Amino acid sequence: MDIRHLKYFIEVTRFKSFTRAADHLFVTQPTISKMIRNLEEELGVELFDRSRRQLVLTDAGRAILQQALTIDKAFGNIQHELDDLIGLQRGHIRIGLPPIMDAGRFIRVLGDFHKLYPHITFQLIENGTKRIEEDIIGDQLDVGIAVLPAAEEDFHHFSFMKEELRVVVPSKHAFAARKQVKLKELEDEQFILFNKDFALNDRIRAACKEAGFLPKVVSESSQWDFIGKMIEAELGISILPTSVYNMMKEELIAIKVVKPVIEWDLAIIWRKNQYLSYATTEWLKFTQERLMGSISD
């Protein structure tokens, strides 16, 4: 049985005639008669009392008609749902954002997308890169912004921001007047870092180890504004992206770090070998064009 059997059955009951139903459906009368006979054989019942001049439903036919109407309506609803989805008249996208980034440019692109597709909704969830990756794999998020490298076996990605990290110190710090500082010179400093949910934590620890020491961490936080206030209160120093430093309102100084230079590369990631909704697919295409276009400009 397929949906055509039920549609033909419904039309025959509607017109009370095989011929008129066939004309309405633009098929031949023998075709529709064969369809109804196949349906009766499959169900093991007669649907029409053919002994009368006008077609009349049997008891089984009346019972099956009610179910057929319900199925046909549901199938029509499915088609409408698909039409809406394919036409991007509806959809929902779950996006993971690290609170460590300046999201202004990203939000503006999101706003432009919303103007084109006002019926698509968004859920923005703040977390560190590690948690974002876990949530994408666990199907709690559709896409996310993460610090590269992401696991190539798990994620597709496109990069949209790359910048060097700076050591950020209070305005009265001994290094405040310096143009640059070697990472090794920070060996005796107290560090304030983003917590271990953030890939940046690993990046800084690895760079310090490469420079020959382990950082002395006095505090960790998930919020860049808390880190800024702690630096201003002279609780310690931090190593941050320039874009994050630029968001801080405190009187702080950002100094170039060398030997080694520490960079971060932000990208939008999504899981490999996983279904993406029409809305998410279009959003990725739109966002990549806008973000990559602004980089080339």
C-alpha atoms as a PDB file:
ATOM      1  CA  MET A   1       0.000   0.000   0.000  1.00  0.00           C
ATOM      2  CA  ASP A   2       1.167   3.507  -0.757  1.00  0.00           C
ATOM      3  CA  ILE A   3      -0.394   6.925  -0.414  1.00  0.00           C
ATOM      4  CA  ARG A   4      -1.777   6.756  -3.967  1.00  0.00           C
ATOM      5  CA  HIS A   5      -4.015   3.807  -3.038  1.00  0.00           C
ATOM      6  CA  LEU A   6      -5.564   5.835  -0.257  1.00  0.00           C
ATOM      7  CA  LYS A   7      -5.918   8.975  -2.393  1.00  0.00           C
ATOM      8  CA  TYR A   8      -7.679   7.033  -5.146  1.00  0.00           C
ATOM      9  CA  PHE A   9      -9.948   5.389  -2.576  1.00  0.00           C
ATOM     10  CA  ILE A  10     -10.833   8.776  -1.064  1.00  0.00           C
ATOM     11  CA  GLU A  11     -11.643  10.265  -4.476  1.00  0.00           C
ATOM     12  CA  VAL A  12     -13.836   7.325  -5.475  1.00  0.00           C
ATOM     13  CA  THR A  13     -15.832   7.704  -2.249  1.00  0.00           C
ATOM     14  CA  ARG A  14     -16.031  11.456  -2.829  1.00  0.00           C
ATOM     15  CA  PHE A  15     -17.457  11.167  -6.370  1.00  0.00           C
ATOM     16  CA  LYS A  16     -19.198   7.814  -5.782  1.00  0.00           C
ATOM     17  CA  SER A  17     -17.904   6.835  -9.212  1.00  0.00           C
ATOM     18  CA  PHE A  18     -14.768   5.226 -10.587  1.00  0.00           C
ATOM     19  CA  THR A  19     -15.116   7.125 -13.850  1.00  0.00           C
ATOM     20  CA  ARG A  20     -15.584  10.583 -12.334  1.00  0.00           C
ATOM     21  CA  ALA A  21     -12.749   9.960  -9.839  1.00  0.00           C
ATOM     22  CA  ALA A  22     -10.490   8.860 -12.717  1.00  0.00           C
ATOM     23  CA  ASP A  23     -11.312  12.022 -14.677  1.00  0.00           C
ATOM     24  CA  HIS A  24     -10.554  14.183 -11.644  1.00  0.00           C
ATOM     25  CA  LEU A  25      -7.222  12.425 -11.047  1.00  0.00           C
ATOM     26  CA  PHE A  26      -6.294  12.426 -14.770  1.00  0.00           C
ATOM     27  CA  VAL A  27      -5.900   8.650 -14.905  1.00  0.00           C
ATOM     28  CA  THR A  28      -7.871   5.991 -16.773  1.00  0.00           C
ATOM     29  CA  GLN A  29     -10.842   4.272 -15.237  1.00  0.00           C
ATOM     30  CA  PRO A  30      -9.178   0.818 -15.449  1.00  0.00           C
ATOM     31  CA  THR A  31      -6.151   2.181 -13.610  1.00  0.00           C
ATOM     32  CA  ILE A  32      -8.172   3.440 -10.672  1.00  0.00           C
ATOM     33  CA  SER A  33     -10.285   0.286 -10.594  1.00  0.00           C
ATOM     34  CA  LYS A  34      -7.127  -1.823 -10.412  1.00  0.00           C
ATOM     35  CA  MET A  35      -5.732   0.357  -7.602  1.00  0.00           C
ATOM     36  CA  ILE A  36      -8.892  -0.079  -5.528  1.00  0.00           C
ATOM     37  CA  ARG A  37      -8.932  -3.837  -6.177  1.00  0.00           C
ATOM     38  CA  ASN A  38      -5.285  -4.116  -5.106  1.00  0.00           C
ATOM     39  CA  LEU A  39      -6.100  -2.197  -1.935  1.00  0.00           C
ATOM     40  CA  GLU A  40      -9.009  -4.501  -1.161  1.00  0.00           C
ATOM     41  CA  GLU A  41      -6.844  -7.589  -1.728  1.00  0.00           C
ATOM     42  CA  GLU A  42      -4.106  -6.204   0.503  1.00  0.00           C
ATOM     43  CA  LEU A  43      -6.547  -5.374   3.305  1.00  0.00           C
ATOM     44  CA  GLY A  44      -8.562  -8.554   2.829  1.00  0.00           C
ATOM     45  CA  VAL A  45     -11.924  -6.772   2.743  1.00  0.00           C
ATOM     46  CA  GLU A  46     -14.316  -5.296   0.204  1.00  0.00           C
ATOM     47  CA  LEU A  47     -14.500  -1.517   0.411  1.00  0.00           C
ATOM     48  CA  PHE A  48     -17.533  -0.966  -1.836  1.00  0.00           C
ATOM     49  CA  ASP A  49     -20.853  -2.711  -2.293  1.00  0.00           C
ATOM     50  CA  ARG A  50     -20.836  -3.077  -6.063  1.00  0.00           C
ATOM     51  CA  SER A  51     -24.268  -4.753  -6.242  1.00  0.00           C
ATOM     52  CA  ARG A  52     -26.067  -1.410  -6.354  1.00  0.00           C
ATOM     53  CA  ARG A  53     -26.333   1.118  -9.167  1.00  0.00           C
ATOM     54  CA  GLN A  54     -24.401   3.683  -7.088  1.00  0.00           C
ATOM     55  CA  LEU A  55     -21.208   2.866  -5.222  1.00  0.00           C
ATOM     56  CA  VAL A  56     -21.823   2.420  -1.497  1.00  0.00           C
ATOM     57  CA  LEU A  57     -19.170   1.884   1.152  1.00  0.00           C
ATOM     58  CA  THR A  58     -19.221  -1.313   3.151  1.00  0.00           C
ATOM     59  CA  ASP A  59     -18.793  -1.231   6.929  1.00  0.00           C
ATOM     60  CA  ALA A  60     -15.096  -1.942   6.426  1.00  0.00           C
ATOM     61  CA  GLY A  61     -14.939   0.766   3.773  1.00  0.00           C
ATOM     62  CA  ARG A  62     -16.407   3.372   6.118  1.00  0.00           C
ATOM     63  CA  ALA A  63     -13.940   2.454   8.857  1.00  0.00           C
ATOM     64  CA  ILE A  64     -10.995   2.563   6.489  1.00  0.00           C
ATOM     65  CA  LEU A  65     -12.168   5.855   4.972  1.00  0.00           C
ATOM     66  CA  GLN A  66     -11.802   7.624   8.332  1.00  0.00           C
ATOM     67  CA  GLN A  67      -8.235   6.358   8.700  1.00  0.00           C
ATOM     68  CA  ALA A  68      -7.462   7.137   5.067  1.00  0.00           C
ATOM     69  CA  LEU A  69      -8.621  10.744   5.523  1.00  0.00           C
ATOM     70  CA  THR A  70      -6.446  11.074   8.631  1.00  0.00           C
ATOM     71  CA  ILE A  71      -3.400   9.659   6.830  1.00  0.00           C
ATOM     72  CA  ASP A  72      -3.973  11.842   3.769  1.00  0.00           C
ATOM     73  CA  LYS A  73      -4.234  14.954   5.940  1.00  0.00           C
ATOM     74  CA  ALA A  74      -1.068  14.012   7.820  1.00  0.00           C
ATOM     75  CA  PHE A  75       0.758  13.426   4.546  1.00  0.00           C
ATOM     76  CA  GLY A  76      -0.387  16.822   3.320  1.00  0.00           C
ATOM     77  CA  ASN A  77       0.861  18.397   6.543  1.00  0.00           C
ATOM     78  CA  ILE A  78       4.225  16.731   6.020  1.00  0.00           C
ATOM     79  CA  GLN A  79       4.439  18.211   2.548  1.00  0.00           C
ATOM     80  CA  HIS A  80       3.563  21.669   3.859  1.00  0.00           C
ATOM     81  CA  GLU A  81       6.189  21.292   6.592  1.00  0.00           C
ATOM     82  CA  LEU A  82       8.798  20.326   4.015  1.00  0.00           C
ATOM     83  CA  ASP A  83       7.820  23.184   1.743  1.00  0.00           C
ATOM     84  CA  ASP A  84       8.235  25.596   4.656  1.00  0.00           C
ATOM     85  CA  LEU A  85      11.595  24.136   5.609  1.00  0.00           C
ATOM     86  CA  ILE A  86      12.948  24.059   2.081  1.00  0.00           C
ATOM     87  CA  GLY A  87      11.665  27.589   1.540  1.00  0.00           C
ATOM     88  CA  LEU A  88      13.291  28.622   4.840  1.00  0.00           C
ATOM     89  CA  GLN A  89       9.966  29.821   6.214  1.00  0.00           C
ATOM     90  CA  ARG A  90      10.761  28.139   9.494  1.00  0.00           C
ATOM     91  CA  GLY A  91      13.684  26.562  11.328  1.00  0.00           C
ATOM     92  CA  HIS A  92      15.736  26.766  14.507  1.00  0.00           C
ATOM     93  CA  ILE A  93      19.529  26.975  14.816  1.00  0.00           C
ATOM     94  CA  ARG A  94      21.465  26.257  18.024  1.00  0.00           C
ATOM     95  CA  ILE A  95      24.787  28.120  18.109  1.00  0.00           C
ATOM     96  CA  GLY A  96      27.577  27.873  20.679  1.00  0.00           C
ATOM     97  CA  LEU A  97      29.515  31.077  21.371  1.00  0.00           C
ATOM     98  CA  PRO A  98      32.606  31.500  23.561  1.00  0.00           C
ATOM     99  CA  PRO A  99      32.211  34.467  25.942  1.00  0.00           C
ATOM    100  CA  ILE A 100      35.879  35.180  25.265  1.00  0.00           C
ATOM    101  CA  MET A 101      35.202  36.773  21.862  1.00  0.00           C
ATOM    102  CA  ASP A 102      33.955  40.168  20.718  1.00  0.00           C
ATOM    103  CA  ALA A 103      30.691  38.991  19.182  1.00  0.00           C
ATOM    104  CA  GLY A 104      29.707  42.325  17.608  1.00  0.00           C
ATOM    105  CA  ARG A 105      30.592  41.479  14.003  1.00  0.00           C
ATOM    106  CA  PHE A 106      29.097  38.012  14.326  1.00  0.00           C
ATOM    107  CA  ILE A 107      25.831  39.368  15.759  1.00  0.00           C
ATOM    108  CA  ARG A 108      25.567  41.897  12.925  1.00  0.00           C
ATOM    109  CA  VAL A 109      25.803  39.064  10.396  1.00  0.00           C
ATOM    110  CA  LEU A 110      23.173  37.171  12.377  1.00  0.00           C
ATOM    111  CA  GLY A 111      20.941  40.238  12.163  1.00  0.00           C
ATOM    112  CA  ASP A 112      21.387  40.453   8.391  1.00  0.00           C
ATOM    113  CA  PHE A 113      20.399  36.795   8.067  1.00  0.00           C
ATOM    114  CA  HIS A 114      17.319  37.384  10.224  1.00  0.00           C
ATOM    115  CA  LYS A 115      16.181  40.179   7.911  1.00  0.00           C
ATOM    116  CA  LEU A 116      16.218  37.733   5.000  1.00  0.00           C
ATOM    117  CA  TYR A 117      14.632  34.841   6.924  1.00  0.00           C
ATOM    118  CA  PRO A 118      12.573  36.360   9.771  1.00  0.00           C
ATOM    119  CA  HIS A 119      10.843  33.074  10.667  1.00  0.00           C
ATOM    120  CA  ILE A 120      14.082  31.258  11.521  1.00  0.00           C
ATOM    121  CA  THR A 121      14.851  31.392  15.243  1.00  0.00           C
ATOM    122  CA  PHE A 122      18.161  31.155  17.091  1.00  0.00           C
ATOM    123  CA  GLN A 123      19.393  29.840  20.402  1.00  0.00           C
ATOM    124  CA  LEU A 124      22.761  31.283  21.465  1.00  0.00           C
ATOM    125  CA  ILE A 125      24.599  29.388  24.210  1.00  0.00           C
ATOM    126  CA  GLU A 126      27.813  30.688  25.770  1.00  0.00           C
ATOM    127  CA  ASN A 127      30.521  28.174  26.614  1.00  0.00           C
ATOM    128  CA  GLY A 128      34.192  27.446  26.116  1.00  0.00           C
ATOM    129  CA  THR A 129      35.485  25.665  23.026  1.00  0.00           C
ATOM    130  CA  LYS A 130      35.779  22.266  24.708  1.00  0.00           C
ATOM    131  CA  ARG A 131      32.173  22.314  25.880  1.00  0.00           C
ATOM    132  CA  ILE A 132      30.966  23.619  22.515  1.00  0.00           C
ATOM    133  CA  GLU A 133      32.685  20.731  20.726  1.00  0.00           C
ATOM    134  CA  GLU A 134      31.166  18.234  23.176  1.00  0.00           C
ATOM    135  CA  ASP A 135      27.690  19.709  22.699  1.00  0.00           C
ATOM    136  CA  ILE A 136      27.938  19.588  18.906  1.00  0.00           C
ATOM    137  CA  ILE A 137      28.969  15.922  19.052  1.00  0.00           C
ATOM    138  CA  GLY A 138      26.151  15.282  21.561  1.00  0.00           C
ATOM    139  CA  ASP A 139      23.606  17.012  19.267  1.00  0.00           C
ATOM    140  CA  GLN A 140      22.961  19.763  21.812  1.00  0.00           C
ATOM    141  CA  LEU A 141      24.244  22.352  19.321  1.00  0.00           C
ATOM    142  CA  ASP A 142      24.118  22.559  15.532  1.00  0.00           C
ATOM    143  CA  VAL A 143      27.195  24.766  15.082  1.00  0.00           C
ATOM    144  CA  GLY A 144      29.630  26.678  17.244  1.00  0.00           C
ATOM    145  CA  ILE A 145      32.509  29.116  17.308  1.00  0.00           C
ATOM    146  CA  ALA A 146      35.682  27.450  18.505  1.00  0.00           C
ATOM    147  CA  VAL A 147      39.414  27.958  18.749  1.00  0.00           C
ATOM    148  CA  LEU A 148      41.299  25.882  16.198  1.00  0.00           C
ATOM    149  CA  PRO A 149      42.564  23.293  15.843  1.00  0.00           C
ATOM    150  CA  ALA A 150      39.347  21.314  16.095  1.00  0.00           C
ATOM    151  CA  ALA A 151      39.519  17.548  15.665  1.00  0.00           C
ATOM    152  CA  GLU A 152      39.621  17.058  11.886  1.00  0.00           C
ATOM    153  CA  GLU A 153      38.010  13.640  12.138  1.00  0.00           C
ATOM    154  CA  ASP A 154      34.961  15.126  13.875  1.00  0.00           C
ATOM    155  CA  PHE A 155      34.401  18.626  12.469  1.00  0.00           C
ATOM    156  CA  HIS A 156      34.160  20.706   9.344  1.00  0.00           C
ATOM    157  CA  HIS A 157      35.151  24.328   9.839  1.00  0.00           C
ATOM    158  CA  PHE A 158      35.955  27.661   8.280  1.00  0.00           C
ATOM    159  CA  SER A 159      38.235  30.186   9.953  1.00  0.00           C
ATOM    160  CA  PHE A 160      37.145  33.822  10.182  1.00  0.00           C
ATOM    161  CA  MET A 161      39.478  35.481  12.710  1.00  0.00           C
ATOM    162  CA  LYS A 162      43.158  35.052  13.470  1.00  0.00           C
ATOM    163  CA  GLU A 163      45.098  37.304  15.823  1.00  0.00           C
ATOM    164  CA  GLU A 164      48.034  37.357  18.209  1.00  0.00           C
ATOM    165  CA  LEU A 165      47.554  37.199  21.946  1.00  0.00           C
ATOM    166  CA  ARG A 166      48.880  39.948  24.201  1.00  0.00           C
ATOM    167  CA  VAL A 167      49.974  39.949  27.811  1.00  0.00           C
ATOM    168  CA  VAL A 168      47.606  42.291  29.659  1.00  0.00           C
ATOM    169  CA  VAL A 169      48.912  44.003  32.790  1.00  0.00           C
ATOM    170  CA  PRO A 170      47.793  46.771  35.190  1.00  0.00           C
ATOM    171  CA  SER A 171      48.814  50.306  34.198  1.00  0.00           C
ATOM    172  CA  LYS A 172      51.380  50.437  37.063  1.00  0.00           C
ATOM    173  CA  HIS A 173      52.998  47.084  36.239  1.00  0.00           C
ATOM    174  CA  ALA A 174      56.774  46.998  35.721  1.00  0.00           C
ATOM    175  CA  PHE A 175      56.250  45.920  32.093  1.00  0.00           C
ATOM    176  CA  ALA A 176      53.605  48.597  31.332  1.00  0.00           C
ATOM    177  CA  ALA A 177      56.011  50.755  29.303  1.00  0.00           C
ATOM    178  CA  ARG A 178      57.401  47.820  27.282  1.00  0.00           C
ATOM    179  CA  LYS A 179      56.571  47.333  23.590  1.00  0.00           C
ATOM    180  CA  GLN A 180      57.091  43.607  23.796  1.00  0.00           C
ATOM    181  CA  VAL A 181      58.000  40.949  26.326  1.00  0.00           C
ATOM    182  CA  LYS A 182      59.459  37.472  26.022  1.00  0.00           C
ATOM    183  CA  LEU A 183      57.154  34.843  27.457  1.00  0.00           C
ATOM    184  CA  LYS A 184      59.983  33.524  29.653  1.00  0.00           C
ATOM    185  CA  GLU A 185      60.028  36.908  31.431  1.00  0.00           C
ATOM    186  CA  LEU A 186      56.571  36.148  32.828  1.00  0.00           C
ATOM    187  CA  GLU A 187      57.770  33.092  34.731  1.00  0.00           C
ATOM    188  CA  ASP A 188      57.392  34.730  38.161  1.00  0.00           C
ATOM    189  CA  GLU A 189      54.052  36.424  37.429  1.00  0.00           C
ATOM    190  CA  GLN A 190      50.666  35.407  38.819  1.00  0.00           C
ATOM    191  CA  PHE A 191      48.364  34.412  35.931  1.00  0.00           C
ATOM    192  CA  ILE A 192      44.617  34.887  35.624  1.00  0.00           C
ATOM    193  CA  LEU A 193      43.303  32.563  32.917  1.00  0.00           C
ATOM    194  CA  PHE A 194      40.074  31.479  31.367  1.00  0.00           C
ATOM    195  CA  ASN A 195      39.008  28.198  32.945  1.00  0.00           C
ATOM    196  CA  LYS A 196      39.718  24.731  31.608  1.00  0.00           C
ATOM    197  CA  ASP A 197      36.572  24.658  29.436  1.00  0.00           C
ATOM    198  CA  PHE A 198      38.433  27.070  27.147  1.00  0.00           C
ATOM    199  CA  ALA A 199      40.976  25.918  24.587  1.00  0.00           C
ATOM    200  CA  LEU A 200      42.817  29.187  25.271  1.00  0.00           C
ATOM    201  CA  ASN A 201      43.756  27.831  28.694  1.00  0.00           C
ATOM    202  CA  ASP A 202      45.543  24.896  27.044  1.00  0.00           C
ATOM    203  CA  ARG A 203      47.141  27.196  24.459  1.00  0.00           C
ATOM    204  CA  ILE A 204      48.701  29.446  27.095  1.00  0.00           C
ATOM    205  CA  ARG A 205      49.866  26.590  29.297  1.00  0.00           C
ATOM    206  CA  ALA A 206      51.461  24.864  26.286  1.00  0.00           C
ATOM    207  CA  ALA A 207      53.232  28.083  25.235  1.00  0.00           C
ATOM    208  CA  CYS A 208      54.586  28.619  28.767  1.00  0.00           C
ATOM    209  CA  LYS A 209      55.836  25.047  28.855  1.00  0.00           C
ATOM    210  CA  GLU A 210      57.552  25.630  25.505  1.00  0.00           C
ATOM    211  CA  ALA A 211      59.218  28.709  27.053  1.00  0.00           C
ATOM    212  CA  GLY A 212      60.514  26.563  29.927  1.00  0.00           C
ATOM    213  CA  PHE A 213      58.096  27.124  32.819  1.00  0.00           C
ATOM    214  CA  LEU A 214      54.611  26.338  34.134  1.00  0.00           C
ATOM    215  CA  PRO A 215      52.373  29.363  34.779  1.00  0.00           C
ATOM    216  CA  LYS A 216      51.490  30.201  38.360  1.00  0.00           C
ATOM    217  CA  VAL A 217      47.719  30.475  38.122  1.00  0.00           C
ATOM    218  CA  VAL A 218      46.097  32.533  40.858  1.00  0.00           C
ATOM    219  CA  SER A 219      42.578  32.461  39.413  1.00  0.00           C
ATOM    220  CA  GLU A 220      40.479  31.154  36.532  1.00  0.00           C
ATOM    221  CA  SER A 221      37.201  32.529  35.191  1.00  0.00           C
ATOM    222  CA  SER A 222      34.726  32.044  32.363  1.00  0.00           C
ATOM    223  CA  GLN A 223      34.072  35.794  32.018  1.00  0.00           C
ATOM    224  CA  TRP A 224      36.464  38.221  30.336  1.00  0.00           C
ATOM    225  CA  ASP A 225      35.092  41.215  32.262  1.00  0.00           C
ATOM    226  CA  PHE A 226      35.888  39.526  35.603  1.00  0.00           C
ATOM    227  CA  ILE A 227      39.413  38.870  34.369  1.00  0.00           C
ATOM    228  CA  GLY A 228      39.779  42.545  33.454  1.00  0.00           C
ATOM    229  CA  LYS A 229      38.663  43.670  36.919  1.00  0.00           C
ATOM    230  CA  MET A 230      41.060  41.212  38.604  1.00  0.00           C
ATOM    231  CA  ILE A 231      43.973  42.489  36.517  1.00  0.00           C
ATOM    232  CA  GLU A 232      43.063  46.072  37.398  1.00  0.00           C
ATOM    233  CA  ALA A 233      42.994  45.056  41.081  1.00  0.00           C
ATOM    234  CA  GLU A 234      46.579  43.786  40.603  1.00  0.00           C
ATOM    235  CA  LEU A 235      45.684  40.194  41.418  1.00  0.00           C
ATOM    236  CA  GLY A 236      47.719  39.063  38.422  1.00  0.00           C
ATOM    237  CA  ILE A 237      48.232  39.351  34.685  1.00  0.00           C
ATOM    238  CA  SER A 238      46.641  37.548  31.764  1.00  0.00           C
ATOM    239  CA  ILE A 239      47.300  36.649  28.150  1.00  0.00           C
ATOM    240  CA  LEU A 240      44.364  37.582  25.951  1.00  0.00           C
ATOM    241  CA  PRO A 241      43.384  38.183  22.325  1.00  0.00           C
ATOM    242  CA  THR A 242      43.638  41.827  21.303  1.00  0.00           C
ATOM    243  CA  SER A 243      39.918  41.910  20.475  1.00  0.00           C
ATOM    244  CA  VAL A 244      39.073  40.851  24.043  1.00  0.00           C
ATOM    245  CA  TYR A 245      41.466  43.410  25.514  1.00  0.00           C
ATOM    246  CA  ASN A 246      39.779  46.099  23.404  1.00  0.00           C
ATOM    247  CA  MET A 247      36.457  45.324  25.071  1.00  0.00           C
ATOM    248  CA  MET A 248      37.827  45.951  28.557  1.00  0.00           C
ATOM    249  CA  LYS A 249      37.045  49.310  30.122  1.00  0.00           C
ATOM    250  CA  GLU A 250      39.687  49.126  32.844  1.00  0.00           C
ATOM    251  CA  GLU A 251      42.980  51.025  32.576  1.00  0.00           C
ATOM    252  CA  LEU A 252      45.090  48.131  31.393  1.00  0.00           C
ATOM    253  CA  ILE A 253      48.076  47.755  29.073  1.00  0.00           C
ATOM    254  CA  ALA A 254      48.417  45.135  26.333  1.00  0.00           C
ATOM    255  CA  ILE A 255      51.979  44.149  25.336  1.00  0.00           C
ATOM    256  CA  LYS A 256      53.149  41.993  22.437  1.00  0.00           C
ATOM    257  CA  VAL A 257      54.400  38.538  23.463  1.00  0.00           C
ATOM    258  CA  VAL A 258      57.403  37.035  21.657  1.00  0.00           C
ATOM    259  CA  LYS A 259      59.458  33.854  21.858  1.00  0.00           C
ATOM    260  CA  PRO A 260      57.040  32.305  21.249  1.00  0.00           C
ATOM    261  CA  VAL A 261      54.376  34.441  19.625  1.00  0.00           C
ATOM    262  CA  ILE A 262      50.996  33.064  20.722  1.00  0.00           C
ATOM    263  CA  GLU A 263      48.086  33.166  18.263  1.00  0.00           C
ATOM    264  CA  TRP A 264      44.507  32.057  18.216  1.00  0.00           C
ATOM    265  CA  ASP A 265      42.374  31.136  15.235  1.00  0.00           C
ATOM    266  CA  LEU A 266      38.604  31.361  15.602  1.00  0.00           C
ATOM    267  CA  ALA A 267      36.406  29.263  13.347  1.00  0.00           C
ATOM    268  CA  ILE A 268      32.824  28.152  12.945  1.00  0.00           C
ATOM    269  CA  ILE A 269      32.640  24.385  13.309  1.00  0.00           C
ATOM    270  CA  TRP A 270      29.979  21.755  12.657  1.00  0.00           C
ATOM    271  CA  ARG A 271      30.028  18.000  12.894  1.00  0.00           C
ATOM    272  CA  LYS A 272      31.027  15.781   9.998  1.00  0.00           C
ATOM    273  CA  ASN A 273      28.668  13.063   8.759  1.00  0.00           C
ATOM    274  CA  GLN A 274      25.667  14.586  10.514  1.00  0.00           C
ATOM    275  CA  TYR A 275      22.407  15.865   9.056  1.00  0.00           C
ATOM    276  CA  LEU A 276      22.140  19.659   8.891  1.00  0.00           C
ATOM    277  CA  SER A 277      18.750  21.321   8.588  1.00  0.00           C
ATOM    278  CA  TYR A 278      17.970  23.515   5.596  1.00  0.00           C
ATOM    279  CA  ALA A 279      18.091  26.555   7.896  1.00  0.00           C
ATOM    280  CA  THR A 280      21.508  25.633   9.316  1.00  0.00           C
ATOM    281  CA  THR A 281      22.942  24.865   5.881  1.00  0.00           C
ATOM    282  CA  GLU A 282      21.785  28.212   4.488  1.00  0.00           C
ATOM    283  CA  TRP A 283      23.004  30.039   7.603  1.00  0.00           C
ATOM    284  CA  LEU A 284      26.473  28.499   7.264  1.00  0.00           C
ATOM    285  CA  LYS A 285      26.677  29.507   3.609  1.00  0.00           C
ATOM    286  CA  PHE A 286      25.450  33.035   4.342  1.00  0.00           C
ATOM    287  CA  THR A 287      27.738  33.512   7.356  1.00  0.00           C
ATOM    288  CA  GLN A 288      30.829  32.190   5.604  1.00  0.00           C
ATOM    289  CA  GLU A 289      30.284  34.568   2.685  1.00  0.00           C
ATOM    290  CA  ARG A 290      29.795  37.554   5.007  1.00  0.00           C
ATOM    291  CA  LEU A 291      32.590  36.810   7.459  1.00  0.00           C
ATOM    292  CA  MET A 292      35.132  35.727   4.867  1.00  0.00           C
ATOM    293  CA  GLY A 293      34.152  38.683   2.689  1.00  0.00           C
ATOM    294  CA  SER A 294      34.805  41.104   5.545  1.00  0.00           C
ATOM    295  CA  ILE A 295      38.250  39.531   6.063  1.00  0.00           C
ATOM    296  CA  SER A 296      39.199  39.983   2.413  1.00  0.00           C
ATOM    297  CA  ASP A 297      37.951  43.571   2.504  1.00  0.00           C
END
